[in-house]
């Protein structure tokens, strides 16, 4: 059975690959500025190490083994977001190079400290398949967000980190169609 990884669809996408922040900064500074706003209150997080890949947070493309629907349903229950359709892309977990990819067992940390090396696991699609259900703890945190807490949907959802660009040709939209830009 195919294991899918998810990422938010990219508005105003340009190019032929999904890029990490450090590459985006050089090739498309305007898109970098838009995406870097997510880190405005935690800029040091972009420099957090990713030990298994020998790089930094801004050198990887982030994917999730968890379908976004339960995450955004929980956010709707909190009242932090309204009804909207989810726009996301998928990639088959088998298509990523295990030497350029790792799993981060993400733990919500309001201080945004770097996670210890033991929270990073070797990438394996079979392992990824076991991580596709969000924890009840993660969903409860999202259901109970108050108006002053940062809106961080994936703060305690496992992350799949891929060092370097991922060709757009590998991605599909939520209906399984190739991405056209």
C-alpha atoms as a PDB file:
ATOM      1  CA  UNK A   1       0.000   0.000   0.000  1.00  0.00           C
ATOM      2  CA  UNK A   2       1.279   3.455  -0.928  1.00  0.00           C
ATOM      3  CA  UNK A   3       2.354   5.770   1.899  1.00  0.00           C
ATOM      4  CA  UNK A   4       1.798   9.439   1.200  1.00  0.00           C
ATOM      5  CA  UNK A   5       3.540  12.448   2.661  1.00  0.00           C
ATOM      6  CA  UNK A   6       1.793  15.826   2.764  1.00  0.00           C
ATOM      7  CA  UNK A   7       2.717  19.464   2.462  1.00  0.00           C
ATOM      8  CA  UNK A   8       0.707  22.637   2.098  1.00  0.00           C
ATOM      9  CA  UNK A   9       0.193  23.664  -1.505  1.00  0.00           C
ATOM     10  CA  UNK A  10       2.471  26.568  -2.372  1.00  0.00           C
ATOM     11  CA  UNK A  11       0.730  29.753  -3.491  1.00  0.00           C
ATOM     12  CA  UNK A  12       2.486  31.528  -6.331  1.00  0.00           C
ATOM     13  CA  UNK A  13       4.843  28.610  -6.914  1.00  0.00           C
ATOM     14  CA  UNK A  14       7.726  29.189  -9.318  1.00  0.00           C
ATOM     15  CA  UNK A  15      10.272  26.817 -10.750  1.00  0.00           C
ATOM     16  CA  UNK A  16      10.557  23.055 -11.078  1.00  0.00           C
ATOM     17  CA  UNK A  17      11.215  21.997  -7.470  1.00  0.00           C
ATOM     18  CA  UNK A  18       9.962  22.581  -3.943  1.00  0.00           C
ATOM     19  CA  UNK A  19      12.831  24.443  -2.312  1.00  0.00           C
ATOM     20  CA  UNK A  20      14.195  24.746   1.218  1.00  0.00           C
ATOM     21  CA  UNK A  21      14.211  28.250   2.687  1.00  0.00           C
ATOM     22  CA  UNK A  22      17.933  28.856   2.098  1.00  0.00           C
ATOM     23  CA  UNK A  23      17.594  28.081  -1.617  1.00  0.00           C
ATOM     24  CA  UNK A  24      14.330  30.012  -1.879  1.00  0.00           C
ATOM     25  CA  UNK A  25      16.092  33.063  -0.388  1.00  0.00           C
ATOM     26  CA  UNK A  26      18.611  33.075  -3.253  1.00  0.00           C
ATOM     27  CA  UNK A  27      16.294  32.219  -6.160  1.00  0.00           C
ATOM     28  CA  UNK A  28      13.023  33.933  -5.193  1.00  0.00           C
ATOM     29  CA  UNK A  29      13.635  36.558  -2.466  1.00  0.00           C
ATOM     30  CA  UNK A  30      10.019  37.756  -2.523  1.00  0.00           C
ATOM     31  CA  UNK A  31       8.708  34.236  -1.859  1.00  0.00           C
ATOM     32  CA  UNK A  32      11.355  33.784   0.811  1.00  0.00           C
ATOM     33  CA  UNK A  33      10.154  36.929   2.605  1.00  0.00           C
ATOM     34  CA  UNK A  34       6.579  35.649   2.557  1.00  0.00           C
ATOM     35  CA  UNK A  35       7.543  32.214   3.893  1.00  0.00           C
ATOM     36  CA  UNK A  36      10.038  33.577   6.445  1.00  0.00           C
ATOM     37  CA  UNK A  37       7.204  35.448   8.188  1.00  0.00           C
ATOM     38  CA  UNK A  38       6.293  32.108   9.774  1.00  0.00           C
ATOM     39  CA  UNK A  39       9.521  32.447  11.737  1.00  0.00           C
ATOM     40  CA  UNK A  40       9.189  36.120  12.665  1.00  0.00           C
ATOM     41  CA  UNK A  41       8.805  35.415  16.386  1.00  0.00           C
ATOM     42  CA  UNK A  42      11.306  32.535  16.361  1.00  0.00           C
ATOM     43  CA  UNK A  43      14.001  33.436  13.794  1.00  0.00           C
ATOM     44  CA  UNK A  44      16.681  31.348  15.522  1.00  0.00           C
ATOM     45  CA  UNK A  45      14.651  28.205  14.711  1.00  0.00           C
ATOM     46  CA  UNK A  46      15.723  28.510  11.062  1.00  0.00           C
ATOM     47  CA  UNK A  47      19.271  27.815  12.196  1.00  0.00           C
ATOM     48  CA  UNK A  48      18.412  24.760  14.332  1.00  0.00           C
ATOM     49  CA  UNK A  49      20.576  21.761  13.420  1.00  0.00           C
ATOM     50  CA  UNK A  50      19.309  18.659  11.626  1.00  0.00           C
ATOM     51  CA  UNK A  51      22.074  16.280  12.813  1.00  0.00           C
ATOM     52  CA  UNK A  52      21.401  13.236  10.621  1.00  0.00           C
ATOM     53  CA  UNK A  53      21.484  15.340   7.452  1.00  0.00           C
ATOM     54  CA  UNK A  54      24.405  17.572   8.460  1.00  0.00           C
ATOM     55  CA  UNK A  55      22.470  20.754   7.776  1.00  0.00           C
ATOM     56  CA  UNK A  56      20.162  23.360   9.309  1.00  0.00           C
ATOM     57  CA  UNK A  57      16.387  23.761   9.536  1.00  0.00           C
ATOM     58  CA  UNK A  58      16.386  26.214   6.596  1.00  0.00           C
ATOM     59  CA  UNK A  59      18.175  23.634   4.384  1.00  0.00           C
ATOM     60  CA  UNK A  60      15.323  21.112   4.374  1.00  0.00           C
ATOM     61  CA  UNK A  61      11.889  20.722   2.818  1.00  0.00           C
ATOM     62  CA  UNK A  62       9.271  19.766   5.401  1.00  0.00           C
ATOM     63  CA  UNK A  63       6.676  17.085   4.829  1.00  0.00           C
ATOM     64  CA  UNK A  64       4.180  15.428   7.141  1.00  0.00           C
ATOM     65  CA  UNK A  65       3.181  11.776   7.402  1.00  0.00           C
ATOM     66  CA  UNK A  66      -0.201  12.973   8.766  1.00  0.00           C
ATOM     67  CA  UNK A  67      -3.065  13.964   6.476  1.00  0.00           C
ATOM     68  CA  UNK A  68      -3.932  17.616   7.221  1.00  0.00           C
ATOM     69  CA  UNK A  69      -7.700  17.026   7.681  1.00  0.00           C
ATOM     70  CA  UNK A  70      -7.673  15.943  11.363  1.00  0.00           C
ATOM     71  CA  UNK A  71      -5.209  18.710  12.218  1.00  0.00           C
ATOM     72  CA  UNK A  72      -7.369  21.427  10.668  1.00  0.00           C
ATOM     73  CA  UNK A  73     -10.575  19.890  12.059  1.00  0.00           C
ATOM     74  CA  UNK A  74      -9.050  20.267  15.542  1.00  0.00           C
ATOM     75  CA  UNK A  75      -8.104  23.891  14.789  1.00  0.00           C
ATOM     76  CA  UNK A  76     -11.675  24.591  13.677  1.00  0.00           C
ATOM     77  CA  UNK A  77     -12.928  23.169  16.985  1.00  0.00           C
ATOM     78  CA  UNK A  78     -10.730  25.688  18.798  1.00  0.00           C
ATOM     79  CA  UNK A  79     -12.331  28.512  16.838  1.00  0.00           C
ATOM     80  CA  UNK A  80      -8.931  29.687  15.575  1.00  0.00           C
ATOM     81  CA  UNK A  81      -9.777  29.039  11.925  1.00  0.00           C
ATOM     82  CA  UNK A  82     -13.024  29.009  10.024  1.00  0.00           C
ATOM     83  CA  UNK A  83     -14.324  26.595   7.438  1.00  0.00           C
ATOM     84  CA  UNK A  84     -12.103  26.362   4.404  1.00  0.00           C
ATOM     85  CA  UNK A  85     -10.997  23.769   1.943  1.00  0.00           C
ATOM     86  CA  UNK A  86      -7.591  22.235   2.443  1.00  0.00           C
ATOM     87  CA  UNK A  87      -5.109  22.758  -0.327  1.00  0.00           C
ATOM     88  CA  UNK A  88      -2.218  20.338  -0.109  1.00  0.00           C
ATOM     89  CA  UNK A  89       0.192  18.309  -2.177  1.00  0.00           C
ATOM     90  CA  UNK A  90       1.301  14.720  -1.703  1.00  0.00           C
ATOM     91  CA  UNK A  91       4.405  12.750  -2.552  1.00  0.00           C
ATOM     92  CA  UNK A  92       4.877   8.979  -2.395  1.00  0.00           C
ATOM     93  CA  UNK A  93       7.183   8.179   0.544  1.00  0.00           C
ATOM     94  CA  UNK A  94       9.039   5.632  -1.602  1.00  0.00           C
ATOM     95  CA  UNK A  95      10.282   8.383  -3.940  1.00  0.00           C
ATOM     96  CA  UNK A  96      12.492  10.158  -1.394  1.00  0.00           C
ATOM     97  CA  UNK A  97      16.170   9.293  -1.033  1.00  0.00           C
ATOM     98  CA  UNK A  98      16.738   7.886   2.496  1.00  0.00           C
ATOM     99  CA  UNK A  99      20.275   9.352   2.485  1.00  0.00           C
ATOM    100  CA  UNK A 100      18.804  12.861   2.138  1.00  0.00           C
ATOM    101  CA  UNK A 101      15.779  12.355   4.386  1.00  0.00           C
ATOM    102  CA  UNK A 102      15.096  11.792   8.080  1.00  0.00           C
ATOM    103  CA  UNK A 103      12.172  11.653  10.495  1.00  0.00           C
ATOM    104  CA  UNK A 104      11.882  14.145  13.331  1.00  0.00           C
ATOM    105  CA  UNK A 105       9.670  13.120  16.226  1.00  0.00           C
ATOM    106  CA  UNK A 106       8.556  16.701  16.732  1.00  0.00           C
ATOM    107  CA  UNK A 107       7.776  17.779  20.264  1.00  0.00           C
ATOM    108  CA  UNK A 108       5.879  21.009  20.885  1.00  0.00           C
ATOM    109  CA  UNK A 109       8.228  23.435  22.599  1.00  0.00           C
ATOM    110  CA  UNK A 110       6.998  27.017  23.155  1.00  0.00           C
ATOM    111  CA  UNK A 111      10.646  28.091  23.497  1.00  0.00           C
ATOM    112  CA  UNK A 112      11.546  26.699  20.024  1.00  0.00           C
ATOM    113  CA  UNK A 113      14.772  25.113  21.252  1.00  0.00           C
ATOM    114  CA  UNK A 114      16.655  22.719  18.973  1.00  0.00           C
ATOM    115  CA  UNK A 115      15.580  19.132  19.470  1.00  0.00           C
ATOM    116  CA  UNK A 116      18.102  16.564  20.659  1.00  0.00           C
ATOM    117  CA  UNK A 117      19.717  14.210  18.151  1.00  0.00           C
ATOM    118  CA  UNK A 118      17.803  11.235  19.574  1.00  0.00           C
ATOM    119  CA  UNK A 119      14.524  12.784  18.312  1.00  0.00           C
ATOM    120  CA  UNK A 120      15.724  12.237  14.723  1.00  0.00           C
ATOM    121  CA  UNK A 121      15.178   8.791  13.185  1.00  0.00           C
ATOM    122  CA  UNK A 122      16.470   7.224   9.974  1.00  0.00           C
ATOM    123  CA  UNK A 123      14.055   7.598   7.089  1.00  0.00           C
ATOM    124  CA  UNK A 124      12.163   4.502   6.073  1.00  0.00           C
ATOM    125  CA  UNK A 125       8.755   4.494   4.325  1.00  0.00           C
ATOM    126  CA  UNK A 126       7.593   1.599   6.530  1.00  0.00           C
ATOM    127  CA  UNK A 127       8.337   3.663   9.647  1.00  0.00           C
ATOM    128  CA  UNK A 128       6.637   6.671   8.094  1.00  0.00           C
ATOM    129  CA  UNK A 129       3.472   4.598   7.568  1.00  0.00           C
ATOM    130  CA  UNK A 130       3.260   3.981  11.331  1.00  0.00           C
ATOM    131  CA  UNK A 131       3.265   7.754  11.981  1.00  0.00           C
ATOM    132  CA  UNK A 132       0.230   8.658   9.866  1.00  0.00           C
ATOM    133  CA  UNK A 133      -2.198   9.114  12.781  1.00  0.00           C
ATOM    134  CA  UNK A 134      -1.840  12.270  14.890  1.00  0.00           C
ATOM    135  CA  UNK A 135      -1.547  11.716  18.626  1.00  0.00           C
ATOM    136  CA  UNK A 136      -4.499  12.560  20.827  1.00  0.00           C
ATOM    137  CA  UNK A 137      -2.158  14.912  22.721  1.00  0.00           C
ATOM    138  CA  UNK A 138      -1.445  16.857  19.519  1.00  0.00           C
ATOM    139  CA  UNK A 139      -5.128  17.071  18.584  1.00  0.00           C
ATOM    140  CA  UNK A 140      -6.111  18.145  22.107  1.00  0.00           C
ATOM    141  CA  UNK A 141      -3.502  20.931  22.038  1.00  0.00           C
ATOM    142  CA  UNK A 142      -4.987  22.206  18.781  1.00  0.00           C
ATOM    143  CA  UNK A 143      -8.594  21.896  19.977  1.00  0.00           C
ATOM    144  CA  UNK A 144      -7.771  23.964  23.050  1.00  0.00           C
ATOM    145  CA  UNK A 145      -5.679  26.794  21.580  1.00  0.00           C
ATOM    146  CA  UNK A 146      -6.593  30.175  22.963  1.00  0.00           C
ATOM    147  CA  UNK A 147      -6.562  33.425  21.021  1.00  0.00           C
ATOM    148  CA  UNK A 148      -3.055  34.414  22.159  1.00  0.00           C
ATOM    149  CA  UNK A 149      -1.220  31.151  21.425  1.00  0.00           C
ATOM    150  CA  UNK A 150       0.776  30.873  18.188  1.00  0.00           C
ATOM    151  CA  UNK A 151      -1.032  28.962  15.467  1.00  0.00           C
ATOM    152  CA  UNK A 152       1.431  26.092  14.911  1.00  0.00           C
ATOM    153  CA  UNK A 153      -0.554  23.184  13.434  1.00  0.00           C
ATOM    154  CA  UNK A 154       2.413  20.818  13.117  1.00  0.00           C
ATOM    155  CA  UNK A 155       4.213  21.695  16.374  1.00  0.00           C
ATOM    156  CA  UNK A 156       3.883  18.164  17.760  1.00  0.00           C
ATOM    157  CA  UNK A 157       3.305  16.166  14.599  1.00  0.00           C
ATOM    158  CA  UNK A 158       6.212  14.073  13.236  1.00  0.00           C
ATOM    159  CA  UNK A 159       8.119  15.815  10.451  1.00  0.00           C
ATOM    160  CA  UNK A 160       9.781  14.296   7.427  1.00  0.00           C
ATOM    161  CA  UNK A 161      12.817  16.428   6.575  1.00  0.00           C
ATOM    162  CA  UNK A 162      14.414  16.238   3.136  1.00  0.00           C
ATOM    163  CA  UNK A 163      17.726  18.002   2.549  1.00  0.00           C
ATOM    164  CA  UNK A 164      17.590  20.027  -0.627  1.00  0.00           C
ATOM    165  CA  UNK A 165      14.979  20.559  -3.339  1.00  0.00           C
ATOM    166  CA  UNK A 166      12.322  17.994  -4.257  1.00  0.00           C
ATOM    167  CA  UNK A 167      11.336  17.963  -7.945  1.00  0.00           C
ATOM    168  CA  UNK A 168       7.785  19.213  -8.478  1.00  0.00           C
ATOM    169  CA  UNK A 169       7.158  16.289 -10.837  1.00  0.00           C
ATOM    170  CA  UNK A 170       7.060  13.981  -7.775  1.00  0.00           C
ATOM    171  CA  UNK A 171       4.123  15.842  -6.192  1.00  0.00           C
ATOM    172  CA  UNK A 172       0.400  15.368  -6.762  1.00  0.00           C
ATOM    173  CA  UNK A 173      -2.548  17.526  -5.755  1.00  0.00           C
ATOM    174  CA  UNK A 174      -5.160  16.205  -3.327  1.00  0.00           C
ATOM    175  CA  UNK A 175      -7.003  14.536  -6.235  1.00  0.00           C
ATOM    176  CA  UNK A 176      -3.857  12.676  -7.375  1.00  0.00           C
ATOM    177  CA  UNK A 177      -3.171  14.903 -10.401  1.00  0.00           C
ATOM    178  CA  UNK A 178       0.258  16.233 -11.361  1.00  0.00           C
ATOM    179  CA  UNK A 179       0.926  19.747 -10.116  1.00  0.00           C
ATOM    180  CA  UNK A 180       0.652  22.336 -12.865  1.00  0.00           C
ATOM    181  CA  UNK A 181       1.947  25.853 -12.346  1.00  0.00           C
END
